């Protein structure tokens, strides 16, 4: 495994400087984030419920912009998707595992399964919702079948990290620093292949929920060349943070692929738990990008304008 030396203090300083510029923006949405979580939580809970699909769809804006390749934009498209979910997955439930609010965005990590008590199965969903004035106006999703086994023995959904002592609530500035940390680390390690950072900012006992990688920093280091092969293109398209959790979504294209083509490659989303500037736990999902979508939008574009 090749490694490129980079001073950790220099790296953290660069992230801190970004924080100074972004801290005021991080706090301006604080009052609406709780409302946004409530709106999205109610919508997600109703999708597989008994309420008529058209009535549930009224929780989204009439002209919602959709980035799920299989769902049409607009409220009617949302209603059709709800009906399809109920028909294709009868008896199944959506169980929310993690929910983050950051600015006008809400992220939901959920399991869709008829047996939610069994976390080694079902569908692994990472949904992103943009809200404006209490309306859901734009939606993205990355999804894949949940693994039925894993190298670590951990499911794609469980929360296993135990704090040495009860953590104090994080300030909005510290949460924003967590977001910048996970985004910048992702760009440096997976994009620029600065693998030396693994030894500096990943905890030795890193808890892994990726099905192919064992627990521990050393296990990740042993497969990093496969995860970030030379010549491949890694582009962060979205990042969020809430509390000690940060989410990074990226567009990954293999070496030789067309990096400008948003209907190619893979969509990858990672969740990281951050404790004292170390990454201590990780979840992810990977979906191959289809060559077209019924709504005409890619899985990566951001189109809503107020």
C-alpha atoms as a PDB file:
ATOM      1  CA  UNK A   1       0.000   0.000   0.000  1.00  0.00           C
ATOM      2  CA  UNK A   2       1.434   3.353  -1.023  1.00  0.00           C
ATOM      3  CA  UNK A   3       1.239   6.217   1.453  1.00  0.00           C
ATOM      4  CA  UNK A   4       1.739   9.924   1.091  1.00  0.00           C
ATOM      5  CA  UNK A   5       2.999  11.771   4.132  1.00  0.00           C
ATOM      6  CA  UNK A   6       0.871  14.664   5.309  1.00  0.00           C
ATOM      7  CA  UNK A   7       1.171  16.515   8.611  1.00  0.00           C
ATOM      8  CA  UNK A   8      -1.978  15.943  10.690  1.00  0.00           C
ATOM      9  CA  UNK A   9      -1.709  19.353  12.344  1.00  0.00           C
ATOM     10  CA  UNK A  10      -1.601  21.047   8.936  1.00  0.00           C
ATOM     11  CA  UNK A  11      -4.602  19.040   7.826  1.00  0.00           C
ATOM     12  CA  UNK A  12      -6.655  19.911  10.927  1.00  0.00           C
ATOM     13  CA  UNK A  13      -5.660  23.568  10.635  1.00  0.00           C
ATOM     14  CA  UNK A  14      -6.956  23.705   7.073  1.00  0.00           C
ATOM     15  CA  UNK A  15     -10.251  22.189   8.190  1.00  0.00           C
ATOM     16  CA  UNK A  16     -10.473  24.642  11.095  1.00  0.00           C
ATOM     17  CA  UNK A  17      -9.998  27.580   8.710  1.00  0.00           C
ATOM     18  CA  UNK A  18     -12.887  26.299   6.626  1.00  0.00           C
ATOM     19  CA  UNK A  19     -14.947  26.144   9.814  1.00  0.00           C
ATOM     20  CA  UNK A  20     -14.400  29.842  10.555  1.00  0.00           C
ATOM     21  CA  UNK A  21     -15.918  30.725   7.193  1.00  0.00           C
ATOM     22  CA  UNK A  22     -18.838  28.312   7.567  1.00  0.00           C
ATOM     23  CA  UNK A  23     -19.814  28.589  11.251  1.00  0.00           C
ATOM     24  CA  UNK A  24     -22.348  31.386  10.799  1.00  0.00           C
ATOM     25  CA  UNK A  25     -24.051  29.452   8.015  1.00  0.00           C
ATOM     26  CA  UNK A  26     -24.176  26.342  10.209  1.00  0.00           C
ATOM     27  CA  UNK A  27     -26.143  28.098  12.934  1.00  0.00           C
ATOM     28  CA  UNK A  28     -28.636  30.070  10.848  1.00  0.00           C
ATOM     29  CA  UNK A  29     -30.777  27.008  10.095  1.00  0.00           C
ATOM     30  CA  UNK A  30     -30.824  25.660  13.654  1.00  0.00           C
ATOM     31  CA  UNK A  31     -34.365  26.747  14.452  1.00  0.00           C
ATOM     32  CA  UNK A  32     -35.826  24.998  11.392  1.00  0.00           C
ATOM     33  CA  UNK A  33     -33.857  21.742  11.633  1.00  0.00           C
ATOM     34  CA  UNK A  34     -36.115  20.270  14.336  1.00  0.00           C
ATOM     35  CA  UNK A  35     -39.191  21.053  12.241  1.00  0.00           C
ATOM     36  CA  UNK A  36     -37.566  19.530   9.156  1.00  0.00           C
ATOM     37  CA  UNK A  37     -36.846  16.319  11.071  1.00  0.00           C
ATOM     38  CA  UNK A  38     -40.457  16.182  12.240  1.00  0.00           C
ATOM     39  CA  UNK A  39     -41.810  16.656   8.708  1.00  0.00           C
ATOM     40  CA  UNK A  40     -39.559  13.990   7.211  1.00  0.00           C
ATOM     41  CA  UNK A  41     -40.129  11.602  10.122  1.00  0.00           C
ATOM     42  CA  UNK A  42     -43.898  11.833   9.675  1.00  0.00           C
ATOM     43  CA  UNK A  43     -43.592  11.298   5.921  1.00  0.00           C
ATOM     44  CA  UNK A  44     -41.323   8.240   6.251  1.00  0.00           C
ATOM     45  CA  UNK A  45     -43.597   6.716   8.922  1.00  0.00           C
ATOM     46  CA  UNK A  46     -46.639   7.096   6.664  1.00  0.00           C
ATOM     47  CA  UNK A  47     -45.149   5.585   3.483  1.00  0.00           C
ATOM     48  CA  UNK A  48     -45.872   1.962   4.458  1.00  0.00           C
ATOM     49  CA  UNK A  49     -48.894   2.835   6.618  1.00  0.00           C
ATOM     50  CA  UNK A  50     -52.639   2.545   5.995  1.00  0.00           C
ATOM     51  CA  UNK A  51     -53.219   6.166   4.915  1.00  0.00           C
ATOM     52  CA  UNK A  52     -54.163   6.678   1.256  1.00  0.00           C
ATOM     53  CA  UNK A  53     -51.076   7.213  -0.943  1.00  0.00           C
ATOM     54  CA  UNK A  54     -52.355  10.508  -2.379  1.00  0.00           C
ATOM     55  CA  UNK A  55     -52.895  11.883   1.124  1.00  0.00           C
ATOM     56  CA  UNK A  56     -49.379  10.882   2.205  1.00  0.00           C
ATOM     57  CA  UNK A  57     -47.961  12.477  -0.941  1.00  0.00           C
ATOM     58  CA  UNK A  58     -49.502  15.817   0.048  1.00  0.00           C
ATOM     59  CA  UNK A  59     -46.640  16.129   2.526  1.00  0.00           C
ATOM     60  CA  UNK A  60     -44.298  16.833  -0.390  1.00  0.00           C
ATOM     61  CA  UNK A  61     -44.322  19.917  -2.599  1.00  0.00           C
ATOM     62  CA  UNK A  62     -46.508  19.685  -5.733  1.00  0.00           C
ATOM     63  CA  UNK A  63     -43.440  20.003  -7.956  1.00  0.00           C
ATOM     64  CA  UNK A  64     -40.952  18.002  -5.879  1.00  0.00           C
ATOM     65  CA  UNK A  65     -37.740  17.297  -7.796  1.00  0.00           C
ATOM     66  CA  UNK A  66     -36.929  13.593  -7.757  1.00  0.00           C
ATOM     67  CA  UNK A  67     -33.499  11.984  -8.180  1.00  0.00           C
ATOM     68  CA  UNK A  68     -34.511   8.373  -7.520  1.00  0.00           C
ATOM     69  CA  UNK A  69     -34.024   6.914 -11.037  1.00  0.00           C
ATOM     70  CA  UNK A  70     -37.279   4.938 -10.722  1.00  0.00           C
ATOM     71  CA  UNK A  71     -39.573   7.740  -9.503  1.00  0.00           C
ATOM     72  CA  UNK A  72     -41.139  10.568 -11.511  1.00  0.00           C
ATOM     73  CA  UNK A  73     -40.852  14.137 -10.260  1.00  0.00           C
ATOM     74  CA  UNK A  74     -43.961  15.805  -8.885  1.00  0.00           C
ATOM     75  CA  UNK A  75     -46.464  14.855  -6.204  1.00  0.00           C
ATOM     76  CA  UNK A  76     -48.175  12.286  -8.461  1.00  0.00           C
ATOM     77  CA  UNK A  77     -44.847  10.550  -8.923  1.00  0.00           C
ATOM     78  CA  UNK A  78     -44.437  10.352  -5.137  1.00  0.00           C
ATOM     79  CA  UNK A  79     -47.942   8.848  -4.788  1.00  0.00           C
ATOM     80  CA  UNK A  80     -47.137   6.259  -7.468  1.00  0.00           C
ATOM     81  CA  UNK A  81     -43.906   5.374  -5.639  1.00  0.00           C
ATOM     82  CA  UNK A  82     -45.771   4.898  -2.354  1.00  0.00           C
ATOM     83  CA  UNK A  83     -48.280   2.581  -4.036  1.00  0.00           C
ATOM     84  CA  UNK A  84     -45.433   0.648  -5.648  1.00  0.00           C
ATOM     85  CA  UNK A  85     -43.648   0.252  -2.298  1.00  0.00           C
ATOM     86  CA  UNK A  86     -46.797  -1.107  -0.688  1.00  0.00           C
ATOM     87  CA  UNK A  87     -47.514  -3.513  -3.566  1.00  0.00           C
ATOM     88  CA  UNK A  88     -43.953  -4.779  -3.990  1.00  0.00           C
ATOM     89  CA  UNK A  89     -43.138  -5.020  -0.284  1.00  0.00           C
ATOM     90  CA  UNK A  90     -46.376  -6.046   1.456  1.00  0.00           C
ATOM     91  CA  UNK A  91     -46.055  -6.515   5.187  1.00  0.00           C
ATOM     92  CA  UNK A  92     -42.756  -4.653   5.289  1.00  0.00           C
ATOM     93  CA  UNK A  93     -41.899  -1.690   7.484  1.00  0.00           C
ATOM     94  CA  UNK A  94     -39.461   1.191   7.234  1.00  0.00           C
ATOM     95  CA  UNK A  95     -37.325   1.288  10.383  1.00  0.00           C
ATOM     96  CA  UNK A  96     -35.308   4.475  10.814  1.00  0.00           C
ATOM     97  CA  UNK A  97     -31.787   3.782  12.069  1.00  0.00           C
ATOM     98  CA  UNK A  98     -30.229   7.248  11.825  1.00  0.00           C
ATOM     99  CA  UNK A  99     -31.697  10.674  11.073  1.00  0.00           C
ATOM    100  CA  UNK A 100     -29.620  13.829  10.603  1.00  0.00           C
ATOM    101  CA  UNK A 101     -30.683  17.403   9.960  1.00  0.00           C
ATOM    102  CA  UNK A 102     -28.243  19.939   8.562  1.00  0.00           C
ATOM    103  CA  UNK A 103     -29.460  23.256   7.186  1.00  0.00           C
ATOM    104  CA  UNK A 104     -32.308  22.626   4.758  1.00  0.00           C
ATOM    105  CA  UNK A 105     -31.410  18.923   4.401  1.00  0.00           C
ATOM    106  CA  UNK A 106     -32.568  15.847   6.300  1.00  0.00           C
ATOM    107  CA  UNK A 107     -30.882  12.459   5.907  1.00  0.00           C
ATOM    108  CA  UNK A 108     -32.584   9.188   6.833  1.00  0.00           C
ATOM    109  CA  UNK A 109     -30.815   5.831   7.081  1.00  0.00           C
ATOM    110  CA  UNK A 110     -33.428   3.087   7.197  1.00  0.00           C
ATOM    111  CA  UNK A 111     -34.093  -0.627   6.823  1.00  0.00           C
ATOM    112  CA  UNK A 112     -37.066  -1.808   4.767  1.00  0.00           C
ATOM    113  CA  UNK A 113     -37.974  -5.304   5.908  1.00  0.00           C
ATOM    114  CA  UNK A 114     -40.823  -7.574   6.954  1.00  0.00           C
ATOM    115  CA  UNK A 115     -38.613  -8.779   9.828  1.00  0.00           C
ATOM    116  CA  UNK A 116     -37.041  -5.591  11.237  1.00  0.00           C
ATOM    117  CA  UNK A 117     -35.818  -7.462  14.302  1.00  0.00           C
ATOM    118  CA  UNK A 118     -33.365  -9.207  11.937  1.00  0.00           C
ATOM    119  CA  UNK A 119     -30.840  -6.614  10.793  1.00  0.00           C
ATOM    120  CA  UNK A 120     -29.058  -9.037   8.456  1.00  0.00           C
ATOM    121  CA  UNK A 121     -31.479  -8.529   5.590  1.00  0.00           C
ATOM    122  CA  UNK A 122     -34.009  -6.242   3.954  1.00  0.00           C
ATOM    123  CA  UNK A 123     -33.145  -3.125   1.999  1.00  0.00           C
ATOM    124  CA  UNK A 124     -30.529  -0.610   3.112  1.00  0.00           C
ATOM    125  CA  UNK A 125     -31.743   2.926   2.220  1.00  0.00           C
ATOM    126  CA  UNK A 126     -29.977   6.279   2.454  1.00  0.00           C
ATOM    127  CA  UNK A 127     -32.533   9.018   1.681  1.00  0.00           C
ATOM    128  CA  UNK A 128     -31.804  12.738   1.437  1.00  0.00           C
ATOM    129  CA  UNK A 129     -34.585  15.318   1.574  1.00  0.00           C
ATOM    130  CA  UNK A 130     -34.367  19.047   0.908  1.00  0.00           C
ATOM    131  CA  UNK A 131     -37.015  21.175   2.604  1.00  0.00           C
ATOM    132  CA  UNK A 132     -38.256  24.713   2.104  1.00  0.00           C
ATOM    133  CA  UNK A 133     -40.896  26.250   4.340  1.00  0.00           C
ATOM    134  CA  UNK A 134     -41.889  22.882   5.778  1.00  0.00           C
ATOM    135  CA  UNK A 135     -42.294  21.242   2.352  1.00  0.00           C
ATOM    136  CA  UNK A 136     -40.143  18.424   0.954  1.00  0.00           C
ATOM    137  CA  UNK A 137     -38.976  19.928  -2.352  1.00  0.00           C
ATOM    138  CA  UNK A 138     -36.188  17.595  -3.523  1.00  0.00           C
ATOM    139  CA  UNK A 139     -35.235  13.974  -2.855  1.00  0.00           C
ATOM    140  CA  UNK A 140     -32.282  11.665  -3.517  1.00  0.00           C
ATOM    141  CA  UNK A 141     -31.765   8.037  -2.490  1.00  0.00           C
ATOM    142  CA  UNK A 142     -28.981   5.440  -2.615  1.00  0.00           C
ATOM    143  CA  UNK A 143     -30.141   1.923  -1.823  1.00  0.00           C
ATOM    144  CA  UNK A 144     -29.029  -1.699  -1.975  1.00  0.00           C
ATOM    145  CA  UNK A 145     -29.961  -5.058  -0.457  1.00  0.00           C
ATOM    146  CA  UNK A 146     -28.703  -5.244   3.114  1.00  0.00           C
ATOM    147  CA  UNK A 147     -25.952  -7.862   3.550  1.00  0.00           C
ATOM    148  CA  UNK A 148     -26.981 -11.170   5.105  1.00  0.00           C
ATOM    149  CA  UNK A 149     -23.478 -11.681   6.516  1.00  0.00           C
ATOM    150  CA  UNK A 150     -20.387  -9.567   7.116  1.00  0.00           C
ATOM    151  CA  UNK A 151     -16.666  -9.971   7.730  1.00  0.00           C
ATOM    152  CA  UNK A 152     -16.991  -8.209  11.082  1.00  0.00           C
ATOM    153  CA  UNK A 153     -20.226  -9.876  12.143  1.00  0.00           C
ATOM    154  CA  UNK A 154     -21.866  -6.435  12.326  1.00  0.00           C
ATOM    155  CA  UNK A 155     -25.066  -5.559  10.495  1.00  0.00           C
ATOM    156  CA  UNK A 156     -25.498  -2.583   8.176  1.00  0.00           C
ATOM    157  CA  UNK A 157     -27.698  -0.888  10.775  1.00  0.00           C
ATOM    158  CA  UNK A 158     -26.521  -1.485  14.356  1.00  0.00           C
ATOM    159  CA  UNK A 159     -24.936   1.136  16.627  1.00  0.00           C
ATOM    160  CA  UNK A 160     -22.037  -0.436  18.521  1.00  0.00           C
ATOM    161  CA  UNK A 161     -19.653   2.299  19.631  1.00  0.00           C
ATOM    162  CA  UNK A 162     -19.667   2.881  23.393  1.00  0.00           C
ATOM    163  CA  UNK A 163     -18.338   6.190  24.701  1.00  0.00           C
ATOM    164  CA  UNK A 164     -15.844   5.867  27.586  1.00  0.00           C
ATOM    165  CA  UNK A 165     -17.967   8.432  29.433  1.00  0.00           C
ATOM    166  CA  UNK A 166     -21.291  10.097  28.540  1.00  0.00           C
ATOM    167  CA  UNK A 167     -20.570  12.654  25.791  1.00  0.00           C
ATOM    168  CA  UNK A 168     -21.518  16.290  26.213  1.00  0.00           C
ATOM    169  CA  UNK A 169     -23.785  17.895  23.599  1.00  0.00           C
ATOM    170  CA  UNK A 170     -21.792  19.298  20.705  1.00  0.00           C
ATOM    171  CA  UNK A 171     -21.927  22.953  19.754  1.00  0.00           C
ATOM    172  CA  UNK A 172     -23.052  23.872  16.237  1.00  0.00           C
ATOM    173  CA  UNK A 173     -19.468  24.867  15.401  1.00  0.00           C
ATOM    174  CA  UNK A 174     -18.169  21.476  16.530  1.00  0.00           C
ATOM    175  CA  UNK A 175     -20.835  19.701  14.472  1.00  0.00           C
ATOM    176  CA  UNK A 176     -19.833  21.729  11.435  1.00  0.00           C
ATOM    177  CA  UNK A 177     -16.215  20.800  12.068  1.00  0.00           C
ATOM    178  CA  UNK A 178     -17.267  17.134  12.086  1.00  0.00           C
ATOM    179  CA  UNK A 179     -18.889  17.632   8.670  1.00  0.00           C
ATOM    180  CA  UNK A 180     -15.804  19.307   7.268  1.00  0.00           C
ATOM    181  CA  UNK A 181     -13.628  16.609   8.793  1.00  0.00           C
ATOM    182  CA  UNK A 182     -15.456  13.665   7.201  1.00  0.00           C
ATOM    183  CA  UNK A 183     -15.780  15.432   3.844  1.00  0.00           C
ATOM    184  CA  UNK A 184     -12.154  16.527   3.683  1.00  0.00           C
ATOM    185  CA  UNK A 185     -10.867  13.181   4.915  1.00  0.00           C
ATOM    186  CA  UNK A 186     -12.924  11.427   2.245  1.00  0.00           C
ATOM    187  CA  UNK A 187     -11.530  13.680  -0.462  1.00  0.00           C
ATOM    188  CA  UNK A 188      -7.961  13.279   0.784  1.00  0.00           C
ATOM    189  CA  UNK A 189      -7.976   9.504   1.344  1.00  0.00           C
ATOM    190  CA  UNK A 190     -10.358   8.168  -1.315  1.00  0.00           C
ATOM    191  CA  UNK A 191      -9.910  10.962  -3.849  1.00  0.00           C
ATOM    192  CA  UNK A 192      -6.223  11.898  -3.529  1.00  0.00           C
ATOM    193  CA  UNK A 193      -5.087   8.563  -2.016  1.00  0.00           C
ATOM    194  CA  UNK A 194      -3.374  10.192   0.966  1.00  0.00           C
ATOM    195  CA  UNK A 195      -3.435   6.889   2.812  1.00  0.00           C
ATOM    196  CA  UNK A 196      -1.139   8.070   5.606  1.00  0.00           C
ATOM    197  CA  UNK A 197      -4.151   9.811   7.156  1.00  0.00           C
ATOM    198  CA  UNK A 198      -5.550   6.405   8.122  1.00  0.00           C
ATOM    199  CA  UNK A 199      -2.989   6.185  10.914  1.00  0.00           C
ATOM    200  CA  UNK A 200      -3.789   9.666  12.191  1.00  0.00           C
ATOM    201  CA  UNK A 201      -7.548  10.159  12.181  1.00  0.00           C
ATOM    202  CA  UNK A 202      -9.083   6.679  12.190  1.00  0.00           C
ATOM    203  CA  UNK A 203      -9.382   5.030  15.617  1.00  0.00           C
ATOM    204  CA  UNK A 204      -7.403   1.769  16.000  1.00  0.00           C
ATOM    205  CA  UNK A 205     -10.601  -0.009  17.078  1.00  0.00           C
ATOM    206  CA  UNK A 206     -12.673   1.416  14.182  1.00  0.00           C
ATOM    207  CA  UNK A 207     -16.066  -0.346  14.144  1.00  0.00           C
ATOM    208  CA  UNK A 208     -16.967  -1.449  10.642  1.00  0.00           C
ATOM    209  CA  UNK A 209     -20.444  -2.065   9.171  1.00  0.00           C
ATOM    210  CA  UNK A 210     -19.261  -2.516   5.591  1.00  0.00           C
ATOM    211  CA  UNK A 211     -19.887  -6.229   4.959  1.00  0.00           C
ATOM    212  CA  UNK A 212     -16.502  -6.893   3.332  1.00  0.00           C
ATOM    213  CA  UNK A 213     -14.150  -5.320   5.866  1.00  0.00           C
ATOM    214  CA  UNK A 214     -13.314  -6.466   9.384  1.00  0.00           C
ATOM    215  CA  UNK A 215     -13.250  -4.160  12.388  1.00  0.00           C
ATOM    216  CA  UNK A 216     -10.153  -2.080  13.070  1.00  0.00           C
ATOM    217  CA  UNK A 217      -8.021   0.525  11.339  1.00  0.00           C
ATOM    218  CA  UNK A 218      -5.550  -2.112  10.138  1.00  0.00           C
ATOM    219  CA  UNK A 219      -8.315  -4.019   8.353  1.00  0.00           C
ATOM    220  CA  UNK A 220      -9.341  -0.881   6.458  1.00  0.00           C
ATOM    221  CA  UNK A 221      -5.720  -0.150   5.562  1.00  0.00           C
ATOM    222  CA  UNK A 222      -5.369  -3.648   4.108  1.00  0.00           C
ATOM    223  CA  UNK A 223      -8.124  -3.054   1.523  1.00  0.00           C
ATOM    224  CA  UNK A 224      -7.786   0.695   0.890  1.00  0.00           C
ATOM    225  CA  UNK A 225      -5.964   0.155  -2.411  1.00  0.00           C
ATOM    226  CA  UNK A 226      -8.990  -1.814  -3.614  1.00  0.00           C
ATOM    227  CA  UNK A 227     -11.459   0.799  -2.313  1.00  0.00           C
ATOM    228  CA  UNK A 228      -9.536   3.695  -3.892  1.00  0.00           C
ATOM    229  CA  UNK A 229      -7.685   2.194  -6.886  1.00  0.00           C
ATOM    230  CA  UNK A 230      -5.199   4.282  -8.815  1.00  0.00           C
ATOM    231  CA  UNK A 231      -6.770   6.191 -11.700  1.00  0.00           C
ATOM    232  CA  UNK A 232     -10.307   6.092 -10.359  1.00  0.00           C
ATOM    233  CA  UNK A 233     -12.279   9.295  -9.820  1.00  0.00           C
ATOM    234  CA  UNK A 234     -13.922  10.138  -6.487  1.00  0.00           C
ATOM    235  CA  UNK A 235     -16.104  13.244  -6.213  1.00  0.00           C
ATOM    236  CA  UNK A 236     -17.997  14.301  -3.096  1.00  0.00           C
ATOM    237  CA  UNK A 237     -21.463  15.552  -4.047  1.00  0.00           C
ATOM    238  CA  UNK A 238     -23.040  15.995  -0.598  1.00  0.00           C
ATOM    239  CA  UNK A 239     -22.015  16.118   3.056  1.00  0.00           C
ATOM    240  CA  UNK A 240     -23.961  16.623   6.276  1.00  0.00           C
ATOM    241  CA  UNK A 241     -23.448  16.365  10.030  1.00  0.00           C
ATOM    242  CA  UNK A 242     -25.640  16.228  13.090  1.00  0.00           C
ATOM    243  CA  UNK A 243     -24.233  15.546  16.549  1.00  0.00           C
ATOM    244  CA  UNK A 244     -21.421  13.008  16.338  1.00  0.00           C
ATOM    245  CA  UNK A 245     -22.508  11.638  12.935  1.00  0.00           C
ATOM    246  CA  UNK A 246     -21.334  12.834   9.532  1.00  0.00           C
ATOM    247  CA  UNK A 247     -22.535  11.695   6.092  1.00  0.00           C
ATOM    248  CA  UNK A 248     -20.641  11.904   2.823  1.00  0.00           C
ATOM    249  CA  UNK A 249     -22.128  10.976  -0.583  1.00  0.00           C
ATOM    250  CA  UNK A 250     -19.915  10.599  -3.635  1.00  0.00           C
ATOM    251  CA  UNK A 251     -19.868   9.759  -7.325  1.00  0.00           C
ATOM    252  CA  UNK A 252     -17.237   7.116  -8.060  1.00  0.00           C
ATOM    253  CA  UNK A 253     -16.023   6.294 -11.569  1.00  0.00           C
ATOM    254  CA  UNK A 254     -13.498   3.568 -12.384  1.00  0.00           C
ATOM    255  CA  UNK A 255     -10.242   4.364 -14.180  1.00  0.00           C
ATOM    256  CA  UNK A 256     -10.895   5.124 -17.836  1.00  0.00           C
ATOM    257  CA  UNK A 257     -14.529   6.067 -17.259  1.00  0.00           C
ATOM    258  CA  UNK A 258     -16.138   9.362 -18.176  1.00  0.00           C
ATOM    259  CA  UNK A 259     -16.062  11.384 -14.972  1.00  0.00           C
ATOM    260  CA  UNK A 260     -18.401  14.005 -16.454  1.00  0.00           C
ATOM    261  CA  UNK A 261     -21.149  11.446 -17.096  1.00  0.00           C
ATOM    262  CA  UNK A 262     -23.479  11.439 -14.087  1.00  0.00           C
ATOM    263  CA  UNK A 263     -25.286   8.395 -15.500  1.00  0.00           C
ATOM    264  CA  UNK A 264     -22.281   6.139 -14.960  1.00  0.00           C
ATOM    265  CA  UNK A 265     -20.179   4.686 -12.163  1.00  0.00           C
ATOM    266  CA  UNK A 266     -21.437   4.168  -8.631  1.00  0.00           C
ATOM    267  CA  UNK A 267     -23.164   6.208  -5.958  1.00  0.00           C
ATOM    268  CA  UNK A 268     -21.532   5.679  -2.547  1.00  0.00           C
ATOM    269  CA  UNK A 269     -22.739   7.069   0.768  1.00  0.00           C
ATOM    270  CA  UNK A 270     -20.814   6.760   4.034  1.00  0.00           C
ATOM    271  CA  UNK A 271     -21.865   7.514   7.613  1.00  0.00           C
ATOM    272  CA  UNK A 272     -19.109   8.161  10.152  1.00  0.00           C
ATOM    273  CA  UNK A 273     -19.288   8.532  13.908  1.00  0.00           C
ATOM    274  CA  UNK A 274     -16.735  11.084  15.094  1.00  0.00           C
ATOM    275  CA  UNK A 275     -15.361  11.246  18.623  1.00  0.00           C
ATOM    276  CA  UNK A 276     -12.711  13.807  19.516  1.00  0.00           C
ATOM    277  CA  UNK A 277     -11.574  14.218  15.894  1.00  0.00           C
ATOM    278  CA  UNK A 278     -11.293  10.467  15.324  1.00  0.00           C
ATOM    279  CA  UNK A 279     -13.505   8.293  13.131  1.00  0.00           C
ATOM    280  CA  UNK A 280     -14.727   5.500  15.403  1.00  0.00           C
ATOM    281  CA  UNK A 281     -17.594   3.820  13.490  1.00  0.00           C
ATOM    282  CA  UNK A 282     -18.656   3.510   9.844  1.00  0.00           C
ATOM    283  CA  UNK A 283     -21.656   2.449   7.760  1.00  0.00           C
ATOM    284  CA  UNK A 284     -22.091   2.628   3.983  1.00  0.00           C
ATOM    285  CA  UNK A 285     -24.151   1.740   0.932  1.00  0.00           C
ATOM    286  CA  UNK A 286     -23.169   1.372  -2.742  1.00  0.00           C
ATOM    287  CA  UNK A 287     -25.485   1.486  -5.766  1.00  0.00           C
ATOM    288  CA  UNK A 288     -24.528   1.205  -9.416  1.00  0.00           C
ATOM    289  CA  UNK A 289     -25.797   4.227 -11.323  1.00  0.00           C
ATOM    290  CA  UNK A 290     -28.322   3.434 -14.090  1.00  0.00           C
ATOM    291  CA  UNK A 291     -27.749   4.894 -17.542  1.00  0.00           C
ATOM    292  CA  UNK A 292     -31.078   6.756 -17.463  1.00  0.00           C
ATOM    293  CA  UNK A 293     -33.867   7.807 -15.096  1.00  0.00           C
ATOM    294  CA  UNK A 294     -37.623   8.188 -15.500  1.00  0.00           C
ATOM    295  CA  UNK A 295     -37.401  11.791 -14.232  1.00  0.00           C
ATOM    296  CA  UNK A 296     -34.444  12.774 -16.427  1.00  0.00           C
ATOM    297  CA  UNK A 297     -32.367  13.800 -13.390  1.00  0.00           C
ATOM    298  CA  UNK A 298     -29.133  12.220 -12.245  1.00  0.00           C
ATOM    299  CA  UNK A 299     -28.557  10.797  -8.765  1.00  0.00           C
ATOM    300  CA  UNK A 300     -26.073  13.602  -8.064  1.00  0.00           C
ATOM    301  CA  UNK A 301     -27.432  16.894  -9.393  1.00  0.00           C
ATOM    302  CA  UNK A 302     -28.955  19.563  -7.129  1.00  0.00           C
ATOM    303  CA  UNK A 303     -31.727  21.378  -8.988  1.00  0.00           C
ATOM    304  CA  UNK A 304     -34.089  23.133  -6.568  1.00  0.00           C
ATOM    305  CA  UNK A 305     -34.067  26.920  -6.653  1.00  0.00           C
ATOM    306  CA  UNK A 306     -36.186  29.079  -4.368  1.00  0.00           C
END
